[in-house]
mmCIF file of all heavy atoms, coordinates in Angstrom:
data_MODEL
# 
_entry.id   MODEL 
# 
loop_
_atom_site.group_PDB 
_atom_site.id 
_atom_site.type_symbol 
_atom_site.label_atom_id 
_atom_site.label_alt_id 
_atom_site.label_comp_id 
_atom_site.label_asym_id 
_atom_site.label_entity_id 
_atom_site.label_seq_id 
_atom_site.pdbx_PDB_ins_code 
_atom_site.Cartn_x 
_atom_site.Cartn_y 
_atom_site.Cartn_z 
_atom_site.occupancy 
_atom_site.B_iso_or_equiv 
_atom_site.pdbx_formal_charge 
_atom_site.auth_seq_id 
_atom_site.auth_comp_id 
_atom_site.auth_asym_id 
_atom_site.auth_atom_id 
_atom_site.pdbx_PDB_model_num 
ATOM 1   N N   . ARG A 1 1  ? 14.618  6.064  -18.738 1.00 0.00 ? 1  ARG A N   1 
ATOM 2   C CA  . ARG A 1 1  ? 16.045  5.804  -18.885 1.00 0.00 ? 1  ARG A CA  1 
ATOM 3   C C   . ARG A 1 1  ? 16.507  4.511  -18.201 1.00 0.00 ? 1  ARG A C   1 
ATOM 4   O O   . ARG A 1 1  ? 17.663  4.405  -17.830 1.00 0.00 ? 1  ARG A O   1 
ATOM 5   C CB  . ARG A 1 1  ? 16.846  7.000  -18.363 1.00 0.00 ? 1  ARG A CB  1 
ATOM 6   C CG  . ARG A 1 1  ? 16.617  8.264  -19.174 1.00 0.00 ? 1  ARG A CG  1 
ATOM 7   C CD  . ARG A 1 1  ? 17.544  9.384  -18.759 1.00 0.00 ? 1  ARG A CD  1 
ATOM 8   N NE  . ARG A 1 1  ? 17.378  10.582 -19.558 1.00 0.00 ? 1  ARG A NE  1 
ATOM 9   C CZ  . ARG A 1 1  ? 17.913  10.759 -20.756 1.00 0.00 ? 1  ARG A CZ  1 
ATOM 10  N NH1 . ARG A 1 1  ? 18.685  9.848  -21.280 1.00 0.00 ? 1  ARG A NH1 1 
ATOM 11  N NH2 . ARG A 1 1  ? 17.701  11.889 -21.419 1.00 0.00 ? 1  ARG A NH2 1 
ATOM 12  N N   . ASN A 1 2  ? 15.612  3.562  -18.061 1.00 0.00 ? 2  ASN A N   1 
ATOM 13  C CA  . ASN A 1 2  ? 16.038  2.286  -17.490 1.00 0.00 ? 2  ASN A CA  1 
ATOM 14  C C   . ASN A 1 2  ? 16.978  1.578  -18.437 1.00 0.00 ? 2  ASN A C   1 
ATOM 15  O O   . ASN A 1 2  ? 17.957  0.944  -18.028 1.00 0.00 ? 2  ASN A O   1 
ATOM 16  C CB  . ASN A 1 2  ? 14.806  1.414  -17.219 1.00 0.00 ? 2  ASN A CB  1 
ATOM 17  C CG  . ASN A 1 2  ? 15.139  0.095  -16.575 1.00 0.00 ? 2  ASN A CG  1 
ATOM 18  O OD1 . ASN A 1 2  ? 15.406  0.029  -15.378 1.00 0.00 ? 2  ASN A OD1 1 
ATOM 19  N ND2 . ASN A 1 2  ? 15.125  -0.982 -17.351 1.00 0.00 ? 2  ASN A ND2 1 
ATOM 20  N N   . GLY A 1 3  ? 16.700  1.637  -19.723 1.00 0.00 ? 3  GLY A N   1 
ATOM 21  C CA  . GLY A 1 3  ? 17.529  1.053  -20.756 1.00 0.00 ? 3  GLY A CA  1 
ATOM 22  C C   . GLY A 1 3  ? 17.684  2.032  -21.898 1.00 0.00 ? 3  GLY A C   1 
ATOM 23  O O   . GLY A 1 3  ? 17.203  3.161  -21.871 1.00 0.00 ? 3  GLY A O   1 
ATOM 24  N N   . ILE A 1 4  ? 18.355  1.598  -22.965 1.00 0.00 ? 4  ILE A N   1 
ATOM 25  C CA  . ILE A 1 4  ? 18.635  2.488  -24.096 1.00 0.00 ? 4  ILE A CA  1 
ATOM 26  C C   . ILE A 1 4  ? 17.346  2.979  -24.748 1.00 0.00 ? 4  ILE A C   1 
ATOM 27  O O   . ILE A 1 4  ? 17.213  4.148  -25.079 1.00 0.00 ? 4  ILE A O   1 
ATOM 28  C CB  . ILE A 1 4  ? 19.536  1.782  -25.132 1.00 0.00 ? 4  ILE A CB  1 
ATOM 29  C CG1 . ILE A 1 4  ? 20.901  1.477  -24.529 1.00 0.00 ? 4  ILE A CG1 1 
ATOM 30  C CG2 . ILE A 1 4  ? 19.682  2.647  -26.381 1.00 0.00 ? 4  ILE A CG2 1 
ATOM 31  C CD1 . ILE A 1 4  ? 21.810  0.684  -25.421 1.00 0.00 ? 4  ILE A CD1 1 
ATOM 32  N N   . ASN A 1 5  ? 16.355  2.088  -24.902 1.00 0.00 ? 5  ASN A N   1 
ATOM 33  C CA  . ASN A 1 5  ? 15.132  2.487  -25.558 1.00 0.00 ? 5  ASN A CA  1 
ATOM 34  C C   . ASN A 1 5  ? 13.928  1.829  -24.869 1.00 0.00 ? 5  ASN A C   1 
ATOM 35  O O   . ASN A 1 5  ? 13.068  1.235  -25.521 1.00 0.00 ? 5  ASN A O   1 
ATOM 36  C CB  . ASN A 1 5  ? 15.161  2.123  -27.043 1.00 0.00 ? 5  ASN A CB  1 
ATOM 37  C CG  . ASN A 1 5  ? 14.077  2.827  -27.830 1.00 0.00 ? 5  ASN A CG  1 
ATOM 38  O OD1 . ASN A 1 5  ? 13.518  3.837  -27.418 1.00 0.00 ? 5  ASN A OD1 1 
ATOM 39  N ND2 . ASN A 1 5  ? 13.762  2.273  -29.001 1.00 0.00 ? 5  ASN A ND2 1 
ATOM 40  N N   . ASP A 1 6  ? 13.863  1.919  -23.540 1.00 0.00 ? 6  ASP A N   1 
ATOM 41  C CA  . ASP A 1 6  ? 12.761  1.360  -22.786 1.00 0.00 ? 6  ASP A CA  1 
ATOM 42  C C   . ASP A 1 6  ? 11.597  2.326  -22.773 1.00 0.00 ? 6  ASP A C   1 
ATOM 43  O O   . ASP A 1 6  ? 11.764  3.538  -22.641 1.00 0.00 ? 6  ASP A O   1 
ATOM 44  C CB  . ASP A 1 6  ? 13.175  1.060  -21.347 1.00 0.00 ? 6  ASP A CB  1 
ATOM 45  C CG  . ASP A 1 6  ? 13.973  -0.233 -21.227 1.00 0.00 ? 6  ASP A CG  1 
ATOM 46  O OD1 . ASP A 1 6  ? 13.926  -1.039 -22.182 1.00 0.00 ? 6  ASP A OD1 1 
ATOM 47  O OD2 . ASP A 1 6  ? 14.650  -0.440 -20.204 1.00 0.00 ? 6  ASP A OD2 1 
ATOM 48  N N   . TRP A 1 7  ? 10.374  1.766  -22.875 1.00 0.00 ? 7  TRP A N   1 
ATOM 49  C CA  . TRP A 1 7  ? 9.145   2.558  -22.796 1.00 0.00 ? 7  TRP A CA  1 
ATOM 50  C C   . TRP A 1 7  ? 8.219   1.934  -21.753 1.00 0.00 ? 7  TRP A C   1 
ATOM 51  O O   . TRP A 1 7  ? 8.104   0.716  -21.697 1.00 0.00 ? 7  TRP A O   1 
ATOM 52  C CB  . TRP A 1 7  ? 8.437   2.576  -24.152 1.00 0.00 ? 7  TRP A CB  1 
ATOM 53  C CG  . TRP A 1 7  ? 9.054   3.530  -25.132 1.00 0.00 ? 7  TRP A CG  1 
ATOM 54  C CD1 . TRP A 1 7  ? 10.254  3.411  -25.753 1.00 0.00 ? 7  TRP A CD1 1 
ATOM 55  C CD2 . TRP A 1 7  ? 8.486   4.767  -25.570 1.00 0.00 ? 7  TRP A CD2 1 
ATOM 56  N NE1 . TRP A 1 7  ? 10.475  4.494  -26.571 1.00 0.00 ? 7  TRP A NE1 1 
ATOM 57  C CE2 . TRP A 1 7  ? 9.407   5.336  -26.497 1.00 0.00 ? 7  TRP A CE2 1 
ATOM 58  C CE3 . TRP A 1 7  ? 7.301   5.448  -25.310 1.00 0.00 ? 7  TRP A CE3 1 
ATOM 59  C CZ2 . TRP A 1 7  ? 9.170   6.550  -27.128 1.00 0.00 ? 7  TRP A CZ2 1 
ATOM 60  C CZ3 . TRP A 1 7  ? 7.055   6.659  -25.941 1.00 0.00 ? 7  TRP A CZ3 1 
ATOM 61  C CH2 . TRP A 1 7  ? 7.985   7.211  -26.830 1.00 0.00 ? 7  TRP A CH2 1 
ATOM 62  N N   . ARG A 1 8  ? 7.586   2.770  -20.965 1.00 0.00 ? 8  ARG A N   1 
ATOM 63  C CA  . ARG A 1 8  ? 6.573   2.317  -20.021 1.00 0.00 ? 8  ARG A CA  1 
ATOM 64  C C   . ARG A 1 8  ? 5.225   2.148  -20.740 1.00 0.00 ? 8  ARG A C   1 
ATOM 65  O O   . ARG A 1 8  ? 4.836   3.009  -21.500 1.00 0.00 ? 8  ARG A O   1 
ATOM 66  C CB  . ARG A 1 8  ? 6.356   3.311  -18.872 1.00 0.00 ? 8  ARG A CB  1 
ATOM 67  C CG  . ARG A 1 8  ? 7.491   3.515  -17.908 1.00 0.00 ? 8  ARG A CG  1 
ATOM 68  C CD  . ARG A 1 8  ? 7.895   2.323  -17.035 1.00 0.00 ? 8  ARG A CD  1 
ATOM 69  N NE  . ARG A 1 8  ? 6.899   1.302  -16.800 1.00 0.00 ? 8  ARG A NE  1 
ATOM 70  C CZ  . ARG A 1 8  ? 6.004   1.275  -15.800 1.00 0.00 ? 8  ARG A CZ  1 
ATOM 71  N NH1 . ARG A 1 8  ? 5.949   2.295  -14.962 1.00 0.00 ? 8  ARG A NH1 1 
ATOM 72  N NH2 . ARG A 1 8  ? 5.199   0.254  -15.647 1.00 0.00 ? 8  ARG A NH2 1 
ATOM 73  N N   . PRO A 1 9  ? 4.535   1.027  -20.484 1.00 0.00 ? 9  PRO A N   1 
ATOM 74  C CA  . PRO A 1 9  ? 3.177   0.915  -21.024 1.00 0.00 ? 9  PRO A CA  1 
ATOM 75  C C   . PRO A 1 9  ? 2.285   1.991  -20.397 1.00 0.00 ? 9  PRO A C   1 
ATOM 76  O O   . PRO A 1 9  ? 2.610   2.563  -19.349 1.00 0.00 ? 9  PRO A O   1 
ATOM 77  C CB  . PRO A 1 9  ? 2.736   -0.479 -20.573 1.00 0.00 ? 9  PRO A CB  1 
ATOM 78  C CG  . PRO A 1 9  ? 3.985   -1.167 -20.081 1.00 0.00 ? 9  PRO A CG  1 
ATOM 79  C CD  . PRO A 1 9  ? 4.930   -0.091 -19.656 1.00 0.00 ? 9  PRO A CD  1 
ATOM 80  N N   . ALA A 1 10 ? 1.168   2.265  -21.021 1.00 0.00 ? 10 ALA A N   1 
ATOM 81  C CA  . ALA A 1 10 ? 0.178   3.158  -20.422 1.00 0.00 ? 10 ALA A CA  1 
ATOM 82  C C   . ALA A 1 10 ? -0.257  2.572  -19.076 1.00 0.00 ? 10 ALA A C   1 
ATOM 83  O O   . ALA A 1 10 ? -0.530  1.368  -18.985 1.00 0.00 ? 10 ALA A O   1 
ATOM 84  C CB  . ALA A 1 10 ? -1.028  3.329  -21.343 1.00 0.00 ? 10 ALA A CB  1 
ATOM 85  N N   . HIS A 1 11 ? -0.296  3.404  -18.043 1.00 0.00 ? 11 HIS A N   1 
ATOM 86  C CA  . HIS A 1 11 ? -0.636  2.878  -16.717 1.00 0.00 ? 11 HIS A CA  1 
ATOM 87  C C   . HIS A 1 11 ? -1.156  4.006  -15.829 1.00 0.00 ? 11 HIS A C   1 
ATOM 88  O O   . HIS A 1 11 ? -0.913  5.183  -16.064 1.00 0.00 ? 11 HIS A O   1 
ATOM 89  C CB  . HIS A 1 11 ? 0.564   2.210  -16.044 1.00 0.00 ? 11 HIS A CB  1 
ATOM 90  C CG  . HIS A 1 11 ? 1.721   3.125  -15.829 1.00 0.00 ? 11 HIS A CG  1 
ATOM 91  N ND1 . HIS A 1 11 ? 2.621   3.452  -16.820 1.00 0.00 ? 11 HIS A ND1 1 
ATOM 92  C CD2 . HIS A 1 11 ? 2.129   3.811  -14.731 1.00 0.00 ? 11 HIS A CD2 1 
ATOM 93  C CE1 . HIS A 1 11 ? 3.522   4.291  -16.344 1.00 0.00 ? 11 HIS A CE1 1 
ATOM 94  N NE2 . HIS A 1 11 ? 3.244   4.525  -15.069 1.00 0.00 ? 11 HIS A NE2 1 
ATOM 95  N N   . ILE A 1 12 ? -1.861  3.591  -14.780 1.00 0.00 ? 12 ILE A N   1 
ATOM 96  C CA  . ILE A 1 12 ? -2.345  4.487  -13.748 1.00 0.00 ? 12 ILE A CA  1 
ATOM 97  C C   . ILE A 1 12 ? -1.852  3.978  -12.406 1.00 0.00 ? 12 ILE A C   1 
ATOM 98  O O   . ILE A 1 12 ? -1.953  2.805  -12.094 1.00 0.00 ? 12 ILE A O   1 
ATOM 99  C CB  . ILE A 1 12 ? -3.890  4.581  -13.754 1.00 0.00 ? 12 ILE A CB  1 
ATOM 100 C CG1 . ILE A 1 12 ? -4.369  5.159  -15.083 1.00 0.00 ? 12 ILE A CG1 1 
ATOM 101 C CG2 . ILE A 1 12 ? -4.379  5.431  -12.581 1.00 0.00 ? 12 ILE A CG2 1 
ATOM 102 C CD1 . ILE A 1 12 ? -5.894  5.223  -15.199 1.00 0.00 ? 12 ILE A CD1 1 
ATOM 103 N N   . HIS A 1 13 ? -1.280  4.873  -11.603 1.00 0.00 ? 13 HIS A N   1 
ATOM 104 C CA  . HIS A 1 13 ? -0.769  4.531  -10.284 1.00 0.00 ? 13 HIS A CA  1 
ATOM 105 C C   . HIS A 1 13 ? -1.903  4.531  -9.262  1.00 0.00 ? 13 HIS A C   1 
ATOM 106 O O   . HIS A 1 13 ? -2.793  5.382  -9.311  1.00 0.00 ? 13 HIS A O   1 
ATOM 107 C CB  . HIS A 1 13 ? 0.294   5.542  -9.828  1.00 0.00 ? 13 HIS A CB  1 
ATOM 108 C CG  . HIS A 1 13 ? 1.505   5.574  -10.715 1.00 0.00 ? 13 HIS A CG  1 
ATOM 109 N ND1 . HIS A 1 13 ? 2.632   4.797  -10.448 1.00 0.00 ? 13 HIS A ND1 1 
ATOM 110 C CD2 . HIS A 1 13 ? 1.788   6.268  -11.829 1.00 0.00 ? 13 HIS A CD2 1 
ATOM 111 C CE1 . HIS A 1 13 ? 3.541   5.046  -11.391 1.00 0.00 ? 13 HIS A CE1 1 
ATOM 112 N NE2 . HIS A 1 13 ? 3.042   5.927  -12.218 1.00 0.00 ? 13 HIS A NE2 1 
ATOM 113 N N   . TYR A 1 14 ? -1.829  3.581  -8.318  1.00 0.00 ? 14 TYR A N   1 
ATOM 114 C CA  . TYR A 1 14 ? -2.823  3.464  -7.256  1.00 0.00 ? 14 TYR A CA  1 
ATOM 115 C C   . TYR A 1 14 ? -2.133  3.485  -5.891  1.00 0.00 ? 14 TYR A C   1 
ATOM 116 O O   . TYR A 1 14 ? -1.103  2.836  -5.702  1.00 0.00 ? 14 TYR A O   1 
ATOM 117 C CB  . TYR A 1 14 ? -3.593  2.147  -7.360  1.00 0.00 ? 14 TYR A CB  1 
ATOM 118 C CG  . TYR A 1 14 ? -4.750  2.119  -8.304  1.00 0.00 ? 14 TYR A CG  1 
ATOM 119 C CD1 . TYR A 1 14 ? -4.569  2.210  -9.665  1.00 0.00 ? 14 TYR A CD1 1 
ATOM 120 C CD2 . TYR A 1 14 ? -6.063  1.983  -7.831  1.00 0.00 ? 14 TYR A CD2 1 
ATOM 121 C CE1 . TYR A 1 14 ? -5.647  2.169  -10.553 1.00 0.00 ? 14 TYR A CE1 1 
ATOM 122 C CE2 . TYR A 1 14 ? -7.136  1.947  -8.685  1.00 0.00 ? 14 TYR A CE2 1 
ATOM 123 C CZ  . TYR A 1 14 ? -6.930  2.034  -10.043 1.00 0.00 ? 14 TYR A CZ  1 
ATOM 124 O OH  . TYR A 1 14 ? -8.004  1.996  -10.908 1.00 0.00 ? 14 TYR A OH  1 
ATOM 125 N N   . SER A 1 15 ? -2.736  4.196  -4.952  1.00 0.00 ? 15 SER A N   1 
ATOM 126 C CA  . SER A 1 15 ? -2.363  4.117  -3.543  1.00 0.00 ? 15 SER A CA  1 
ATOM 127 C C   . SER A 1 15 ? -3.642  3.808  -2.784  1.00 0.00 ? 15 SER A C   1 
ATOM 128 O O   . SER A 1 15 ? -4.643  4.529  -2.913  1.00 0.00 ? 15 SER A O   1 
ATOM 129 C CB  . SER A 1 15 ? -1.758  5.443  -3.053  1.00 0.00 ? 15 SER A CB  1 
ATOM 130 O OG  . SER A 1 15 ? -1.671  5.439  -1.633  1.00 0.00 ? 15 SER A OG  1 
ATOM 131 N N   . ILE A 1 16 ? -3.623  2.725  -1.982  1.00 0.00 ? 16 ILE A N   1 
ATOM 132 C CA  . ILE A 1 16 ? -4.855  2.229  -1.351  1.00 0.00 ? 16 ILE A CA  1 
ATOM 133 C C   . ILE A 1 16 ? -4.658  2.131  0.158   1.00 0.00 ? 16 ILE A C   1 
ATOM 134 O O   . ILE A 1 16 ? -3.668  1.565  0.646   1.00 0.00 ? 16 ILE A O   1 
ATOM 135 C CB  . ILE A 1 16 ? -5.241  0.857  -1.916  1.00 0.00 ? 16 ILE A CB  1 
ATOM 136 C CG1 . ILE A 1 16 ? -5.448  0.974  -3.425  1.00 0.00 ? 16 ILE A CG1 1 
ATOM 137 C CG2 . ILE A 1 16 ? -6.482  0.313  -1.231  1.00 0.00 ? 16 ILE A CG2 1 
ATOM 138 C CD1 . ILE A 1 16 ? -5.360  -0.326 -4.162  1.00 0.00 ? 16 ILE A CD1 1 
ATOM 139 N N   . PHE A 1 17 ? -5.580  2.727  0.908   1.00 0.00 ? 17 PHE A N   1 
ATOM 140 C CA  . PHE A 1 17 ? -5.642  2.589  2.356   1.00 0.00 ? 17 PHE A CA  1 
ATOM 141 C C   . PHE A 1 17 ? -6.881  1.783  2.701   1.00 0.00 ? 17 PHE A C   1 
ATOM 142 O O   . PHE A 1 17 ? -8.008  2.202  2.424   1.00 0.00 ? 17 PHE A O   1 
ATOM 143 C CB  . PHE A 1 17 ? -5.731  3.963  3.039   1.00 0.00 ? 17 PHE A CB  1 
ATOM 144 C CG  . PHE A 1 17 ? -4.491  4.796  2.938   1.00 0.00 ? 17 PHE A CG  1 
ATOM 145 C CD1 . PHE A 1 17 ? -4.314  5.671  1.889   1.00 0.00 ? 17 PHE A CD1 1 
ATOM 146 C CD2 . PHE A 1 17 ? -3.509  4.688  3.929   1.00 0.00 ? 17 PHE A CD2 1 
ATOM 147 C CE1 . PHE A 1 17 ? -3.175  6.456  1.806   1.00 0.00 ? 17 PHE A CE1 1 
ATOM 148 C CE2 . PHE A 1 17 ? -2.359  5.470  3.835   1.00 0.00 ? 17 PHE A CE2 1 
ATOM 149 C CZ  . PHE A 1 17 ? -2.190  6.346  2.785   1.00 0.00 ? 17 PHE A CZ  1 
ATOM 150 N N   . GLY A 1 18 ? -6.701  0.600  3.308   1.00 0.00 ? 18 GLY A N   1 
ATOM 151 C CA  . GLY A 1 18 ? -7.828  -0.211 3.725   1.00 0.00 ? 18 GLY A CA  1 
ATOM 152 C C   . GLY A 1 18 ? -8.278  0.138  5.134   1.00 0.00 ? 18 GLY A C   1 
ATOM 153 O O   . GLY A 1 18 ? -8.213  1.291  5.555   1.00 0.00 ? 18 GLY A O   1 
ATOM 154 N N   . THR A 1 19 ? -8.699  -0.869 5.881   1.00 0.00 ? 19 THR A N   1 
ATOM 155 C CA  . THR A 1 19 ? -9.167  -0.626 7.255   1.00 0.00 ? 19 THR A CA  1 
ATOM 156 C C   . THR A 1 19 ? -7.999  -0.533 8.231   1.00 0.00 ? 19 THR A C   1 
ATOM 157 O O   . THR A 1 19 ? -8.191  -0.088 9.365   1.00 0.00 ? 19 THR A O   1 
ATOM 158 C CB  . THR A 1 19 ? -10.115 -1.755 7.704   1.00 0.00 ? 19 THR A CB  1 
ATOM 159 O OG1 . THR A 1 19 ? -9.420  -3.016 7.606   1.00 0.00 ? 19 THR A OG1 1 
ATOM 160 C CG2 . THR A 1 19 ? -11.354 -1.788 6.829   1.00 0.00 ? 19 THR A CG2 1 
ATOM 161 N N   . GLY A 1 20 ? -6.816  -0.945 7.824   1.00 0.00 ? 20 GLY A N   1 
ATOM 162 C CA  . GLY A 1 20 ? -5.624  -0.855 8.671   1.00 0.00 ? 20 GLY A CA  1 
ATOM 163 C C   . GLY A 1 20 ? -4.425  -0.493 7.835   1.00 0.00 ? 20 GLY A C   1 
ATOM 164 O O   . GLY A 1 20 ? -4.364  -0.812 6.627   1.00 0.00 ? 20 GLY A O   1 
ATOM 165 N N   . PHE A 1 21 ? -3.433  0.163  8.442   1.00 0.00 ? 21 PHE A N   1 
ATOM 166 C CA  . PHE A 1 21 ? -2.269  0.612  7.679   1.00 0.00 ? 21 PHE A CA  1 
ATOM 167 C C   . PHE A 1 21 ? -1.487  -0.569 7.102   1.00 0.00 ? 21 PHE A C   1 
ATOM 168 O O   . PHE A 1 21 ? -0.803  -0.416 6.079   1.00 0.00 ? 21 PHE A O   1 
ATOM 169 C CB  . PHE A 1 21 ? -1.359  1.478  8.563   1.00 0.00 ? 21 PHE A CB  1 
ATOM 170 C CG  . PHE A 1 21 ? -0.375  2.290  7.775   1.00 0.00 ? 21 PHE A CG  1 
ATOM 171 C CD1 . PHE A 1 21 ? -0.770  3.451  7.145   1.00 0.00 ? 21 PHE A CD1 1 
ATOM 172 C CD2 . PHE A 1 21 ? 0.932   1.864  7.622   1.00 0.00 ? 21 PHE A CD2 1 
ATOM 173 C CE1 . PHE A 1 21 ? 0.134   4.212  6.399   1.00 0.00 ? 21 PHE A CE1 1 
ATOM 174 C CE2 . PHE A 1 21 ? 1.840   2.598  6.875   1.00 0.00 ? 21 PHE A CE2 1 
ATOM 175 C CZ  . PHE A 1 21 ? 1.435   3.782  6.260   1.00 0.00 ? 21 PHE A CZ  1 
ATOM 176 N N   . ALA A 1 22 ? -1.574  -1.741 7.751   1.00 0.00 ? 22 ALA A N   1 
ATOM 177 C CA  . ALA A 1 22 ? -0.863  -2.921 7.227   1.00 0.00 ? 22 ALA A CA  1 
ATOM 178 C C   . ALA A 1 22 ? -1.409  -3.381 5.889   1.00 0.00 ? 22 ALA A C   1 
ATOM 179 O O   . ALA A 1 22 ? -0.767  -4.160 5.201   1.00 0.00 ? 22 ALA A O   1 
ATOM 180 C CB  . ALA A 1 22 ? -0.932  -4.056 8.255   1.00 0.00 ? 22 ALA A CB  1 
ATOM 181 N N   . GLN A 1 23 ? -2.584  -2.896 5.510   1.00 0.00 ? 23 GLN A N   1 
ATOM 182 C CA  . GLN A 1 23 ? -3.174  -3.239 4.209   1.00 0.00 ? 23 GLN A CA  1 
ATOM 183 C C   . GLN A 1 23 ? -2.706  -2.294 3.111   1.00 0.00 ? 23 GLN A C   1 
ATOM 184 O O   . GLN A 1 23 ? -3.086  -2.487 1.967   1.00 0.00 ? 23 GLN A O   1 
ATOM 185 C CB  . GLN A 1 23 ? -4.682  -3.209 4.290   1.00 0.00 ? 23 GLN A CB  1 
ATOM 186 C CG  . GLN A 1 23 ? -5.325  -4.356 5.066   1.00 0.00 ? 23 GLN A CG  1 
ATOM 187 C CD  . GLN A 1 23 ? -6.843  -4.256 5.036   1.00 0.00 ? 23 GLN A CD  1 
ATOM 188 O OE1 . GLN A 1 23 ? -7.400  -3.211 5.397   1.00 0.00 ? 23 GLN A OE1 1 
ATOM 189 N NE2 . GLN A 1 23 ? -7.502  -5.301 4.652   1.00 0.00 ? 23 GLN A NE2 1 
ATOM 190 N N   . ARG A 1 24 ? -1.947  -1.290 3.430   1.00 0.00 ? 24 ARG A N   1 
ATOM 191 C CA  . ARG A 1 24 ? -1.530  -0.273 2.443   1.00 0.00 ? 24 ARG A CA  1 
ATOM 192 C C   . ARG A 1 24 ? -0.942  -0.945 1.206   1.00 0.00 ? 24 ARG A C   1 
ATOM 193 O O   . ARG A 1 24 ? -0.080  -1.819 1.309   1.00 0.00 ? 24 ARG A O   1 
ATOM 194 C CB  . ARG A 1 24 ? -0.500  0.664  3.069   1.00 0.00 ? 24 ARG A CB  1 
ATOM 195 C CG  . ARG A 1 24 ? 0.003   1.758  2.109   1.00 0.00 ? 24 ARG A CG  1 
ATOM 196 C CD  . ARG A 1 24 ? -0.992  2.890  2.015   1.00 0.00 ? 24 ARG A CD  1 
ATOM 197 N NE  . ARG A 1 24 ? -0.662  3.830  0.947   1.00 0.00 ? 24 ARG A NE  1 
ATOM 198 C CZ  . ARG A 1 24 ? 0.266   4.772  1.010   1.00 0.00 ? 24 ARG A CZ  1 
ATOM 199 N NH1 . ARG A 1 24 ? 1.010   4.897  2.110   1.00 0.00 ? 24 ARG A NH1 1 
ATOM 200 N NH2 . ARG A 1 24 ? 0.462   5.602  -0.006  1.00 0.00 ? 24 ARG A NH2 1 
ATOM 201 N N   . LEU A 1 25 ? -1.408  -0.522 0.059   1.00 0.00 ? 25 LEU A N   1 
ATOM 202 C CA  . LEU A 1 25 ? -0.919  -1.088 -1.205  1.00 0.00 ? 25 LEU A CA  1 
ATOM 203 C C   . LEU A 1 25 ? -0.675  0.024  -2.199  1.00 0.00 ? 25 LEU A C   1 
ATOM 204 O O   . LEU A 1 25 ? -1.524  0.897  -2.384  1.00 0.00 ? 25 LEU A O   1 
ATOM 205 C CB  . LEU A 1 25 ? -1.945  -2.081 -1.784  1.00 0.00 ? 25 LEU A CB  1 
ATOM 206 C CG  . LEU A 1 25 ? -1.592  -2.688 -3.154  1.00 0.00 ? 25 LEU A CG  1 
ATOM 207 C CD1 . LEU A 1 25 ? -0.376  -3.592 -3.043  1.00 0.00 ? 25 LEU A CD1 1 
ATOM 208 C CD2 . LEU A 1 25 ? -2.793  -3.437 -3.724  1.00 0.00 ? 25 LEU A CD2 1 
ATOM 209 N N   . ILE A 1 26 ? 0.493   0.027  -2.813  1.00 0.00 ? 26 ILE A N   1 
ATOM 210 C CA  . ILE A 1 26 ? 0.801   0.942  -3.905  1.00 0.00 ? 26 ILE A CA  1 
ATOM 211 C C   . ILE A 1 26 ? 1.098   0.086  -5.126  1.00 0.00 ? 26 ILE A C   1 
ATOM 212 O O   . ILE A 1 26 ? 1.964   -0.800 -5.091  1.00 0.00 ? 26 ILE A O   1 
ATOM 213 C CB  . ILE A 1 26 ? 1.997   1.848  -3.570  1.00 0.00 ? 26 ILE A CB  1 
ATOM 214 C CG1 . ILE A 1 26 ? 1.671   2.722  -2.358  1.00 0.00 ? 26 ILE A CG1 1 
ATOM 215 C CG2 . ILE A 1 26 ? 2.360   2.723  -4.760  1.00 0.00 ? 26 ILE A CG2 1 
ATOM 216 C CD1 . ILE A 1 26 ? 2.825   3.580  -1.887  1.00 0.00 ? 26 ILE A CD1 1 
ATOM 217 N N   . THR A 1 27 ? 0.359   0.319  -6.210  1.00 0.00 ? 27 THR A N   1 
ATOM 218 C CA  . THR A 1 27 ? 0.509   -0.543 -7.373  1.00 0.00 ? 27 THR A CA  1 
ATOM 219 C C   . THR A 1 27 ? 0.211   0.257  -8.637  1.00 0.00 ? 27 THR A C   1 
ATOM 220 O O   . THR A 1 27 ? 0.038   1.473  -8.605  1.00 0.00 ? 27 THR A O   1 
ATOM 221 C CB  . THR A 1 27 ? -0.434  -1.768 -7.258  1.00 0.00 ? 27 THR A CB  1 
ATOM 222 O OG1 . THR A 1 27 ? -0.155  -2.698 -8.299  1.00 0.00 ? 27 THR A OG1 1 
ATOM 223 C CG2 . THR A 1 27 ? -1.897  -1.348 -7.317  1.00 0.00 ? 27 THR A CG2 1 
ATOM 224 N N   . GLN A 1 28 ? 0.180   -0.437 -9.783  1.00 0.00 ? 28 GLN A N   1 
ATOM 225 C CA  . GLN A 1 28 ? -0.100  0.180  -11.057 1.00 0.00 ? 28 GLN A CA  1 
ATOM 226 C C   . GLN A 1 28 ? -1.113  -0.662 -11.827 1.00 0.00 ? 28 GLN A C   1 
ATOM 227 O O   . GLN A 1 28 ? -1.115  -1.893 -11.717 1.00 0.00 ? 28 GLN A O   1 
ATOM 228 C CB  . GLN A 1 28 ? 1.168   0.322  -11.887 1.00 0.00 ? 28 GLN A CB  1 
ATOM 229 C CG  . GLN A 1 28 ? 2.237   1.202  -11.239 1.00 0.00 ? 28 GLN A CG  1 
ATOM 230 C CD  . GLN A 1 28 ? 3.488   1.318  -12.072 1.00 0.00 ? 28 GLN A CD  1 
ATOM 231 O OE1 . GLN A 1 28 ? 3.485   1.112  -13.273 1.00 0.00 ? 28 GLN A OE1 1 
ATOM 232 N NE2 . GLN A 1 28 ? 4.599   1.648  -11.431 1.00 0.00 ? 28 GLN A NE2 1 
ATOM 233 N N   . MET A 1 29 ? -1.942  0.022  -12.580 1.00 0.00 ? 29 MET A N   1 
ATOM 234 C CA  . MET A 1 29 ? -2.946  -0.641 -13.421 1.00 0.00 ? 29 MET A CA  1 
ATOM 235 C C   . MET A 1 29 ? -2.577  -0.437 -14.887 1.00 0.00 ? 29 MET A C   1 
ATOM 236 O O   . MET A 1 29 ? -2.289  0.691  -15.313 1.00 0.00 ? 29 MET A O   1 
ATOM 237 C CB  . MET A 1 29 ? -4.335  -0.051 -13.148 1.00 0.00 ? 29 MET A CB  1 
ATOM 238 C CG  . MET A 1 29 ? -5.440  -0.670 -13.964 1.00 0.00 ? 29 MET A CG  1 
ATOM 239 S SD  . MET A 1 29 ? -6.946  0.345  -14.003 1.00 0.00 ? 29 MET A SD  1 
ATOM 240 C CE  . MET A 1 29 ? -6.547  1.448  -15.389 1.00 0.00 ? 29 MET A CE  1 
# 
């Protein structure tokens, strides 16, 4: 419902924890 007829592309969500919390990344593929 962002717009009248908006569609999200196919995607997979990622949450990544590296060696330190400052590297935390949340993104989409």
